[in-house]
Each structure stands twice: as C-alpha cells, then as structure tokens.
Amino acid sequence: MKNIAVVGSQWGDEGKGKIVDWLSEQADVVIRFQGGHNAGHTLVIDGVTYKLRLLPSGIVRKNKISVIGNGVVVDPWALLEEIKEIKAKGITVDPNNFIISESANLILPFHREMDEIREDAAGEKKIGTTRRGIGPAYEDKVGRRSIRVMDLRSEKNLDQRLESVLMHHNAIRKGLGKKIFEKNQLKKDLLKIAPEILKFSQPVWLKIDEFKKQKKRILFEGAQGILLDVDHGTYPFVTSSNTVASSAATGTGCGPNSINYVLGITKAYTTRVGEGPFPTELNDKIGEFIGTRGKEFGTVTSRKRRCGWFDGVLVRQTIKISGIDGIALTKLDVLDELDEIKMCIQYELDGKKIDYLPATAEDQLKIKPIYKTFPGWKSSTNGVKNIKELPQNAKDYIYALEDFIGAKISSISTSPERDDTILIENPFEI
C-alpha cells in the first residue's frame, strides 16, 4: 500500500485543501505532521464549507482516522473550538476517529502574547507572523521547556513544567516592561480542559506502526509551503518548523521509508502572505487582477496575498529539496483572461545570471527575474476535466512548466470544485 506526503511547493496557499480532500477519500489515515493553527485548508463537500486549521482534512469523511502528530504545536483551546465548530456541522469527532500525539507541544496564552509583542516591536522589520504563538511555542520545544500533551496528566508535573517555562518567559517580559504571567490561573485553566484533550491522546508512532501492519493507506498532510521552511525557506521570513516532506517522518514517528510518494501542490502563478522576498511579485494591475480572480485571501487570517508570475526557478529548487515526485497544478483557470503569461526561468544578481535562489535575504531582495513569455489562451478552462480539451496555448504553458521544473504534473485543477480536476496519474495507484 502506498503512503503519500503532500507538501506545498511555494509559500503556501497553493490550494492543498481540495487536493488533500480528494486524496483523503482514498486514504485510511490522514496525519498532520507540522505547523499549528496558523495554516488553514478550505474544503467544500456536498455544498458545505469546512475551514480547518488544526484538524486533518480526513476528519470530514466517514471511516477515516485523523491524527495530529508530534511535530504539530497545538493551541488546546483553539483545537476544542474547532472540534465544536465542526461537530455543529454534523461531523463526528471522537477517540475512534481522532488521535493527538501525547508528545505534541502546546501553544499557551503567553506564546501568543510574545508573538504580538515581538511583531509590534519590530515595526518595519516584522516577519509577518499570524500572531498565534507558533514561533514562541517551537522555541520552547527546542529549548526543552515546553508543555506537552502528556504533561496534562499530572497536576504536580504540570506545575513544575509551568514553573520552568514561565521563569524563561517572565524574565523576557520584565525586560520588555511587560506584566509577568501568573502561573496559577493558567494551571487551573489547563486542568479544566485536560480531560477533553487527553481522551484523544495516544503514542502516535505506535499507532502508525499498527496502521502499516494493517496495510492502511496513510496520507501525511503538510501545512504552509517549502519556501517557508525554517532551514530551506526565505529565512528569516519563514515559519518556525520544517515544512519539507522529510518532516512527515520526524513529525509523526516513522522512518522515511514509510513515505512512498511526495506530491507537491503548485499554483499556476505565485503568491505569498506576509513580509519577505518575492522575486516575481506584481505590484500592478495584473497582480491585482490575479489576486481578485483567484480570491487570494488567507483561510485563517483573511490577509490579502501578494501575487506574481510563476517562479520556475523556485519550484524547481523546492522539488529537489523536498524530493517531490509529482505536481498537482492548481488555479490554472485564474489565468484564462490574460493576454500573455510569464514564467521566471532565471535570476540576475549584481549583473550575473544565476539559476537558484541565494540563501541570504539581502541577495534575495536584490535579484531580478528573467522571464519567458507565453501567449495567453483567452478562453475558459474552468471545469475542464480532460487535458485534450484545454486550449492549445494552455497546454503549451503547462508542458513548458513541467519540462522546466523537472517533475511530472499528476493533476491540474481547473476550479475550486473538487471534481473539476484533470487527473493524469493517481499517486495512490502508481
């Protein structure tokens, strides 16, 4: 049985929700392996819209097991609120179909506050975080002072763990002239919700081993995009976790040989949210048109996304970094009305041509894109389900894109509707 990891090949917001939903229908288990409630998927099933932030996409389908892995940072109150919201739409969420890793780290109120304090203090140098405490929570994880799901089992242990983490945070808060954070009320609040969280808690690594023995199909679901990876993205304008496909193994507790196919979700153009370099950004009417037609607003934050031409150099780079086997190309129909379409095939830096994104933000901000121009197709691709039915200019663009990035296109999305997809190969059936 094949297990698939799904990652975004750009800066996130590539339309993973629709693709992951289609794959989750074929999977037995869907596992989130990194990120937090700063990333969102929008699913539309039978006319009902579900906006998921922490819950894996499989939760909306019957007879699927949904898992939050150890690599995810969990705001327990946000999770319980999301469960409440989705239950109100008739979805079942119980220990039989939903599991949280006992090793998952918690996002607490002082993490959110620290996120806001830092962003506000940074002014023009801000990172552009979602202010949900993701970064500070990951810092505490690496600093070995974090509160994990398993710590909610014992009041004595929780008290000691809170003492440790607040010693660190309150020292910083004092230095910044902020009020120190009181432990006792937070402990009381955590103990109040502990039973609701702990009833879902299990050793996920052990469950995955069971799933593999039972020959279950596992779908590893990533959040955000590879260009936001803390090691391989546009640092420091990145998230605080590893978003590459290999994190599916470390973020759940299985070996890399558990992943048989890596699918990269890729927009037919480029967008990013927040601050940071963006070589092909369009600050003009075309960029505005793409954003409006593509409804480029964040699922979680509703922030307007920056838009630009497809950057082949970047996607080719993320394919190599993340070991992507195939591409699911999304939002092709957004380009239908354009007279011409451009693809970045090279950069210029200080008068020299280069074919990769340099590591420093200083160089990333200086590079100039070199484009190849394609004639637009000026006709609707919306709802097309067979590649033969696409306009010739659209096919020429797709084949040129596929050839340049060096990865096979496995599917093409031609509208937000789940069935409006050109399927070239099914990763579960290869």
Protein backbone atom coordinates (compact mmCIF):
# COMPACT_ATOMS: atom_id res chain seq x y z
CA MET A 1 0.00 0.00 0.00
CA LYS A 2 1.30 3.45 -0.89
CA ASN A 3 1.67 6.23 1.67
CA ILE A 4 1.73 9.78 0.36
CA ALA A 5 3.14 13.04 1.75
CA VAL A 6 1.54 16.24 0.50
CA VAL A 7 3.52 19.49 0.69
CA GLY A 8 3.21 22.96 -0.75
CA SER A 9 5.97 23.74 -3.25
CA GLN A 10 5.77 27.55 -2.92
CA TRP A 11 4.97 29.89 0.01
CA GLY A 12 1.81 28.03 1.00
CA ASP A 13 -1.79 28.76 -0.04
CA GLU A 14 -1.35 26.58 -3.14
CA GLY A 15 -4.79 25.01 -2.84
CA LYS A 16 -3.82 21.96 -0.79
CA GLY A 17 -7.29 21.66 0.74
CA LYS A 18 -9.01 20.47 -2.41
CA ILE A 19 -6.23 18.03 -3.36
CA VAL A 20 -5.83 16.65 0.16
CA ASP A 21 -9.59 16.16 0.41
CA TRP A 22 -9.60 14.16 -2.84
CA LEU A 23 -6.70 12.03 -1.60
CA SER A 24 -8.15 11.63 1.89
CA GLU A 25 -11.21 9.96 0.38
CA GLN A 26 -8.86 7.19 -0.83
CA ALA A 27 -6.73 7.10 2.34
CA ASP A 28 -7.48 5.27 5.58
CA VAL A 29 -5.47 7.59 7.84
CA VAL A 30 -4.70 11.32 7.46
CA ILE A 31 -1.90 12.76 9.61
CA ARG A 32 -0.84 16.40 10.16
CA PHE A 33 2.91 16.47 10.80
CA GLN A 34 3.94 20.12 11.41
CA GLY A 35 2.71 23.67 11.89
CA GLY A 36 -0.19 24.83 14.01
CA HIS A 37 -3.46 26.69 13.63
CA ASN A 38 -1.69 29.36 11.58
CA ALA A 39 -2.31 27.27 8.45
CA GLY A 40 -5.73 26.52 7.04
CA HIS A 41 -7.48 24.32 4.50
CA THR A 42 -10.86 25.13 3.00
CA LEU A 43 -12.92 22.13 1.91
CA VAL A 44 -16.28 22.19 0.11
CA ILE A 45 -18.15 18.87 0.32
CA ASP A 46 -21.75 18.47 -0.84
CA GLY A 47 -22.20 22.22 -0.72
CA VAL A 48 -20.92 22.52 2.88
CA THR A 49 -17.78 24.58 3.50
CA TYR A 50 -15.34 23.44 6.18
CA LYS A 51 -12.46 25.68 7.24
CA LEU A 52 -9.90 23.54 9.02
CA ARG A 53 -6.91 24.88 10.93
CA LEU A 54 -5.60 22.08 13.15
CA LEU A 55 -7.83 19.14 12.32
CA PRO A 56 -6.56 16.98 9.44
CA SER A 57 -8.67 17.02 6.27
CA GLY A 58 -9.77 13.42 6.75
CA ILE A 59 -11.93 14.43 9.72
CA VAL A 60 -14.84 15.42 7.46
CA ARG A 61 -15.07 11.95 5.92
CA LYS A 62 -16.56 8.82 7.44
CA ASN A 63 -14.44 5.81 8.35
CA LYS A 64 -11.18 7.76 8.31
CA ILE A 65 -8.73 8.15 11.19
CA SER A 66 -7.33 11.67 11.63
CA VAL A 67 -4.11 12.24 13.54
CA ILE A 68 -2.19 15.24 14.88
CA GLY A 69 1.48 14.26 15.03
CA ASN A 70 4.21 15.22 17.48
CA GLY A 71 5.60 17.79 15.03
CA VAL A 72 2.48 19.96 15.34
CA VAL A 73 2.15 22.69 18.00
CA VAL A 74 -1.37 22.66 19.43
CA ASP A 75 -3.35 25.50 20.94
CA PRO A 76 -5.69 23.34 23.06
CA TRP A 77 -8.44 25.96 23.27
CA ALA A 78 -8.30 26.60 19.51
CA LEU A 79 -8.49 22.85 18.91
CA LEU A 80 -11.52 22.38 21.15
CA GLU A 81 -13.25 25.33 19.48
CA GLU A 82 -12.56 23.86 16.05
CA ILE A 83 -13.94 20.50 17.16
CA LYS A 84 -17.05 22.27 18.45
CA GLU A 85 -17.49 24.13 15.13
CA ILE A 86 -17.17 21.02 13.01
CA LYS A 87 -19.44 18.95 15.25
CA ALA A 88 -22.10 21.62 14.74
CA LYS A 89 -21.95 20.74 11.02
CA GLY A 90 -22.72 17.11 11.73
CA ILE A 91 -19.17 15.74 11.80
CA THR A 92 -18.23 13.10 14.36
CA VAL A 93 -15.03 13.70 16.35
CA ASP A 94 -14.26 11.08 18.97
CA PRO A 95 -11.31 8.90 20.12
CA ASN A 96 -12.20 6.33 17.45
CA ASN A 97 -11.51 8.67 14.54
CA PHE A 98 -9.23 11.34 16.04
CA ILE A 99 -5.84 11.00 17.76
CA ILE A 100 -3.41 13.58 19.17
CA SER A 101 0.20 12.64 19.80
CA GLU A 102 0.97 12.61 23.51
CA SER A 103 4.27 14.26 22.57
CA ALA A 104 2.71 17.25 20.77
CA ASN A 105 3.73 20.60 22.26
CA LEU A 106 1.13 23.09 23.45
CA ILE A 107 0.70 26.73 22.46
CA LEU A 108 -0.22 28.71 25.58
CA PRO A 109 -1.52 32.28 26.04
CA PHE A 110 1.94 33.71 26.80
CA HIS A 111 3.17 32.35 23.44
CA ARG A 112 0.50 34.35 21.61
CA GLU A 113 1.33 37.44 23.63
CA MET A 114 5.06 37.08 22.93
CA ASP A 115 4.33 36.74 19.20
CA GLU A 116 2.39 40.01 19.28
CA ILE A 117 4.95 41.82 21.44
CA ARG A 118 7.79 40.93 19.06
CA GLU A 119 5.90 41.78 15.88
CA ASP A 120 4.78 45.14 17.25
CA ALA A 121 8.28 45.96 18.48
CA ALA A 122 9.87 45.04 15.13
CA GLY A 123 7.97 47.72 13.17
CA GLU A 124 9.05 47.67 9.53
CA LYS A 125 11.34 44.71 10.23
CA LYS A 126 8.47 42.44 11.29
CA ILE A 127 8.34 38.89 9.92
CA GLY A 128 4.62 38.97 9.20
CA THR A 129 3.60 36.12 11.51
CA THR A 130 -0.04 35.20 12.11
CA ARG A 131 0.40 36.23 15.79
CA ARG A 132 -0.90 32.89 17.01
CA GLY A 133 2.14 31.94 19.11
CA ILE A 134 3.55 29.35 16.72
CA GLY A 135 7.16 30.59 16.75
CA PRO A 136 7.47 31.07 20.53
CA ALA A 137 5.95 27.60 21.09
CA TYR A 138 8.52 25.98 18.79
CA GLU A 139 11.28 27.93 20.56
CA ASP A 140 10.21 26.46 23.89
CA LYS A 141 10.12 23.00 22.33
CA VAL A 142 13.71 23.30 21.14
CA GLY A 143 14.66 24.95 24.45
CA ARG A 144 13.34 21.85 26.26
CA ARG A 145 10.99 23.81 28.48
CA SER A 146 7.73 23.24 26.62
CA ILE A 147 4.45 21.85 27.96
CA ARG A 148 3.37 18.73 26.07
CA VAL A 149 0.03 16.96 25.88
CA MET A 150 1.28 14.24 28.24
CA ASP A 151 2.07 16.86 30.91
CA LEU A 152 -1.65 17.44 31.41
CA ARG A 153 -1.98 14.04 33.11
CA SER A 154 -0.42 15.12 36.40
CA GLU A 155 -1.11 18.34 38.32
CA LYS A 156 2.23 18.09 40.11
CA ASN A 157 4.14 17.60 36.87
CA LEU A 158 2.21 20.38 35.13
CA ASP A 159 3.01 22.76 37.99
CA GLN A 160 6.73 22.02 37.67
CA ARG A 161 6.71 22.37 33.89
CA LEU A 162 4.86 25.70 34.05
CA GLU A 163 7.35 26.94 36.67
CA SER A 164 10.19 26.18 34.26
CA VAL A 165 8.70 27.76 31.14
CA LEU A 166 7.41 30.87 32.94
CA MET A 167 10.80 31.51 34.52
CA HIS A 168 12.09 31.97 30.98
CA HIS A 169 9.16 33.97 29.63
CA ASN A 170 8.72 36.24 32.63
CA ALA A 171 12.40 37.23 32.53
CA ILE A 172 11.90 38.38 28.94
CA ARG A 173 8.58 40.08 29.76
CA LYS A 174 10.20 42.01 32.60
CA GLY A 175 12.99 43.11 30.30
CA LEU A 176 10.42 44.39 27.81
CA GLY A 177 8.48 46.21 30.52
CA LYS A 178 5.52 43.83 30.30
CA LYS A 179 3.47 42.37 33.14
CA ILE A 180 4.67 38.96 34.32
CA PHE A 181 2.45 35.99 33.56
CA GLU A 182 0.77 34.33 36.55
CA LYS A 183 1.03 30.56 36.78
CA ASN A 184 -1.89 29.53 38.97
CA GLN A 185 -4.78 30.70 36.79
CA LEU A 186 -3.16 29.14 33.69
CA LYS A 187 -2.69 25.84 35.55
CA LYS A 188 -6.33 25.91 36.59
CA ASP A 189 -7.44 26.63 33.01
CA LEU A 190 -5.30 23.79 31.63
CA LEU A 191 -6.51 21.27 34.19
CA LYS A 192 -10.09 22.21 33.34
CA ILE A 193 -9.67 21.23 29.67
CA ALA A 194 -7.17 18.41 30.27
CA PRO A 195 -9.76 15.57 30.18
CA GLU A 196 -11.11 16.80 26.82
CA ILE A 197 -7.60 16.80 25.30
CA LEU A 198 -6.27 13.66 26.97
CA LYS A 199 -9.13 11.46 25.77
CA PHE A 200 -7.66 11.80 22.24
CA SER A 201 -4.03 11.32 23.34
CA GLN A 202 -2.04 8.27 22.19
CA PRO A 203 1.55 7.35 21.20
CA VAL A 204 1.23 8.14 17.51
CA TRP A 205 4.44 6.39 16.49
CA LEU A 206 2.97 3.14 17.83
CA LYS A 207 -0.35 3.71 16.05
CA ILE A 208 1.47 4.31 12.74
CA ASP A 209 3.29 1.02 13.16
CA GLU A 210 -0.09 -0.67 13.65
CA PHE A 211 -1.53 1.07 10.58
CA LYS A 212 1.38 -0.12 8.46
CA LYS A 213 0.93 -3.72 9.64
CA GLN A 214 -2.76 -3.44 8.79
CA LYS A 215 -1.81 -2.23 5.27
CA LYS A 216 -3.70 1.03 5.72
CA ARG A 217 -3.14 3.87 3.27
CA ILE A 218 -1.61 6.83 5.09
CA LEU A 219 -1.76 10.42 3.87
CA PHE A 220 0.75 12.75 5.52
CA GLU A 221 -0.62 16.29 5.34
CA GLY A 222 1.77 19.25 5.46
CA ALA A 223 0.93 22.86 6.21
CA GLN A 224 2.26 26.05 4.56
CA GLY A 225 4.91 25.69 1.85
CA ILE A 226 8.54 24.66 1.40
CA LEU A 227 9.67 28.26 0.88
CA LEU A 228 8.56 28.89 4.47
CA ASP A 229 10.72 26.04 5.81
CA VAL A 230 12.89 27.26 8.70
CA ASP A 231 16.01 25.74 7.07
CA HIS A 232 15.27 25.91 3.36
CA GLY A 233 12.93 28.89 3.00
CA THR A 234 13.42 32.64 2.62
CA TYR A 235 14.93 32.98 6.10
CA PRO A 236 14.19 34.85 8.37
CA PHE A 237 10.79 35.39 6.68
CA VAL A 238 9.77 31.80 7.33
CA THR A 239 7.70 29.72 9.71
CA SER A 240 9.25 28.00 12.73
CA SER A 241 9.07 24.39 11.56
CA ASN A 242 10.38 22.23 8.74
CA THR A 243 7.75 22.13 6.00
CA VAL A 244 9.64 19.77 3.68
CA ALA A 245 8.36 16.23 3.05
CA SER A 246 11.02 14.58 5.23
CA SER A 247 9.32 16.21 8.23
CA ALA A 248 6.44 13.80 7.70
CA ALA A 249 8.68 11.13 9.23
CA THR A 250 10.09 13.12 12.17
CA GLY A 251 6.79 14.87 12.83
CA THR A 252 4.89 11.61 13.31
CA GLY A 253 7.38 8.99 14.43
CA CYS A 254 8.08 6.75 11.46
CA GLY A 255 11.01 6.11 9.15
CA PRO A 256 11.41 7.95 5.83
CA ASN A 257 10.80 4.64 4.04
CA SER A 258 7.19 4.91 5.22
CA ILE A 259 6.65 7.61 2.58
CA ASN A 260 6.33 6.18 -0.92
CA TYR A 261 5.34 9.27 -2.92
CA VAL A 262 5.71 13.03 -2.39
CA LEU A 263 3.10 15.24 -4.04
CA GLY A 264 3.87 18.95 -4.37
CA ILE A 265 0.88 21.28 -4.64
CA THR A 266 1.80 24.10 -7.02
CA LYS A 267 -0.10 27.17 -8.15
CA ALA A 268 0.00 28.14 -11.84
CA TYR A 269 1.24 31.52 -10.58
CA THR A 270 2.87 32.56 -7.27
CA THR A 271 1.55 34.09 -4.05
CA ARG A 272 2.85 34.76 -0.58
CA VAL A 273 1.40 36.20 2.64
CA GLY A 274 3.33 38.45 4.97
CA GLU A 275 6.73 40.01 4.60
CA GLY A 276 9.84 38.83 2.78
CA PRO A 277 11.42 38.49 -0.67
CA PHE A 278 9.21 37.71 -3.67
CA PRO A 279 11.18 37.95 -6.96
CA THR A 280 8.19 37.72 -9.35
CA GLU A 281 5.76 39.91 -7.38
CA LEU A 282 3.47 42.08 -9.50
CA ASN A 283 2.63 45.43 -7.94
CA ASP A 284 0.42 46.41 -10.84
CA LYS A 285 -2.99 45.85 -12.42
CA ILE A 286 -2.10 42.29 -13.46
CA GLY A 287 -1.15 41.39 -9.90
CA GLU A 288 -4.39 42.96 -8.67
CA PHE A 289 -6.37 41.06 -11.31
CA ILE A 290 -4.80 37.71 -10.36
CA GLY A 291 -5.49 38.36 -6.67
CA THR A 292 -9.11 39.30 -7.26
CA ARG A 293 -9.88 36.50 -9.70
CA GLY A 294 -8.05 33.93 -7.58
CA LYS A 295 -9.74 35.13 -4.37
CA GLU A 296 -6.34 35.40 -2.75
CA PHE A 297 -7.17 35.91 0.89
CA GLY A 298 -5.91 33.71 3.74
CA THR A 299 -8.18 30.96 5.10
CA VAL A 300 -7.09 31.61 8.69
CA THR A 301 -6.17 35.31 8.75
CA SER A 302 -8.15 36.74 5.77
CA ARG A 303 -4.97 38.64 4.89
CA LYS A 304 -4.60 39.69 1.26
CA ARG A 305 -1.95 37.65 -0.55
CA ARG A 306 0.76 39.17 -2.70
CA CYS A 307 0.61 37.85 -6.29
CA GLY A 308 3.13 37.35 -9.08
CA TRP A 309 4.11 35.25 -12.08
CA PHE A 310 5.03 31.58 -11.76
CA ASP A 311 8.61 31.26 -10.50
CA GLY A 312 10.04 28.15 -12.14
CA VAL A 313 13.44 28.64 -10.51
CA LEU A 314 11.94 28.47 -7.04
CA VAL A 315 9.68 25.49 -7.70
CA ARG A 316 12.49 23.56 -9.37
CA GLN A 317 14.55 24.23 -6.22
CA THR A 318 11.82 23.09 -3.80
CA ILE A 319 11.26 19.94 -5.85
CA LYS A 320 14.91 19.00 -5.34
CA ILE A 321 14.95 19.94 -1.65
CA SER A 322 11.78 18.03 -0.79
CA GLY A 323 12.12 15.05 -3.13
CA ILE A 324 8.85 15.80 -4.89
CA ASP A 325 7.72 13.02 -7.26
CA GLY A 326 4.74 14.73 -8.85
CA ILE A 327 3.00 18.10 -9.06
CA ALA A 328 -0.67 18.93 -8.61
CA LEU A 329 -1.06 22.17 -10.57
CA THR A 330 -3.81 24.40 -9.20
CA LYS A 331 -5.73 27.53 -10.21
CA LEU A 332 -4.96 27.32 -13.93
CA ASP A 333 -8.34 28.92 -14.67
CA VAL A 334 -7.30 32.14 -12.87
CA LEU A 335 -5.04 32.92 -15.85
CA ASP A 336 -7.75 32.44 -18.50
CA GLU A 337 -8.29 36.10 -19.42
CA LEU A 338 -4.67 37.29 -19.58
CA ASP A 339 -3.17 38.37 -22.92
CA GLU A 340 0.21 36.94 -22.02
CA ILE A 341 1.64 34.86 -19.22
CA LYS A 342 5.19 34.90 -17.90
CA MET A 343 7.34 32.28 -16.22
CA CYS A 344 10.56 33.08 -14.38
CA ILE A 345 13.34 30.86 -15.75
CA GLN A 346 16.44 32.59 -14.33
CA TYR A 347 17.60 35.37 -11.99
CA GLU A 348 20.02 38.23 -12.33
CA LEU A 349 22.06 39.18 -9.27
CA ASP A 350 24.59 42.01 -9.42
CA GLY A 351 24.77 41.68 -13.20
CA LYS A 352 25.31 37.91 -13.15
CA LYS A 353 22.77 35.28 -14.15
CA ILE A 354 22.03 32.54 -11.60
CA ASP A 355 19.64 29.58 -11.63
CA TYR A 356 18.81 29.22 -7.93
CA LEU A 357 17.59 31.32 -5.02
CA PRO A 358 20.56 32.58 -2.98
CA ALA A 359 20.46 31.92 0.78
CA THR A 360 20.70 35.46 2.17
CA ALA A 361 17.68 37.76 2.40
CA GLU A 362 19.87 40.63 1.17
CA ASP A 363 20.55 38.84 -2.12
CA GLN A 364 17.01 37.53 -2.39
CA LEU A 365 15.70 41.09 -2.24
CA LYS A 366 18.12 42.23 -4.96
CA ILE A 367 17.58 39.53 -7.57
CA LYS A 368 15.70 40.36 -10.75
CA PRO A 369 13.60 37.74 -12.53
CA ILE A 370 14.27 36.79 -16.14
CA TYR A 371 11.07 35.71 -17.87
CA LYS A 372 9.91 33.55 -20.72
CA THR A 373 6.66 34.88 -22.16
CA PHE A 374 3.76 32.74 -23.37
CA PRO A 375 0.68 33.88 -25.29
CA GLY A 376 -2.50 33.70 -23.21
CA TRP A 377 -5.31 31.35 -24.23
CA LYS A 378 -8.09 33.90 -23.74
CA SER A 379 -10.73 31.24 -23.26
CA SER A 380 -12.22 29.42 -20.29
CA THR A 381 -10.53 26.39 -18.77
CA ASN A 382 -12.99 26.43 -15.86
CA GLY A 383 -14.33 22.96 -15.14
CA VAL A 384 -12.31 21.16 -17.83
CA LYS A 385 -11.66 17.53 -16.84
CA ASN A 386 -9.62 16.25 -19.80
CA ILE A 387 -6.28 17.72 -20.84
CA LYS A 388 -7.21 17.27 -24.51
CA GLU A 389 -10.00 19.80 -24.05
CA LEU A 390 -7.66 22.57 -22.88
CA PRO A 391 -6.79 25.40 -25.30
CA GLN A 392 -3.51 24.73 -27.11
CA ASN A 393 -1.81 27.77 -25.54
CA ALA A 394 -2.76 26.48 -22.08
CA LYS A 395 -1.27 23.08 -22.89
CA ASP A 396 1.90 24.72 -24.21
CA TYR A 397 2.26 26.63 -20.94
CA ILE A 398 1.67 23.51 -18.84
CA TYR A 399 4.14 21.37 -20.81
CA ALA A 400 6.80 24.12 -20.69
CA LEU A 401 6.29 24.43 -16.94
CA GLU A 402 6.55 20.67 -16.45
CA ASP A 403 9.70 20.48 -18.55
CA PHE A 404 11.40 23.36 -16.74
CA ILE A 405 10.74 22.26 -13.15
CA GLY A 406 11.70 18.65 -13.87
CA ALA A 407 8.73 16.92 -12.24
CA LYS A 408 5.69 15.25 -13.73
CA ILE A 409 2.35 17.02 -13.42
CA SER A 410 -0.02 14.46 -11.93
CA SER A 411 -3.17 16.59 -11.93
CA ILE A 412 -4.46 20.01 -12.97
CA SER A 413 -7.14 21.86 -11.02
CA THR A 414 -9.48 23.96 -13.17
CA SER A 415 -11.81 25.37 -10.49
CA PRO A 416 -12.29 25.29 -6.71
CA GLU A 417 -14.82 22.48 -7.16
CA ARG A 418 -13.45 19.10 -6.18
CA ASP A 419 -14.48 17.30 -9.37
CA ASP A 420 -13.07 19.96 -11.70
CA THR A 421 -9.71 18.27 -11.96
CA ILE A 422 -7.72 16.81 -14.84
CA LEU A 423 -6.27 13.59 -13.42
CA ILE A 424 -3.13 12.41 -15.18
CA GLU A 425 -1.92 9.93 -12.57
CA ASN A 426 -3.23 8.93 -9.13
CA PRO A 427 -0.36 8.81 -6.59
CA PHE A 428 -2.12 6.03 -4.66
CA GLU A 429 -2.23 3.82 -7.76
CA ILE A 430 1.22 4.25 -9.26
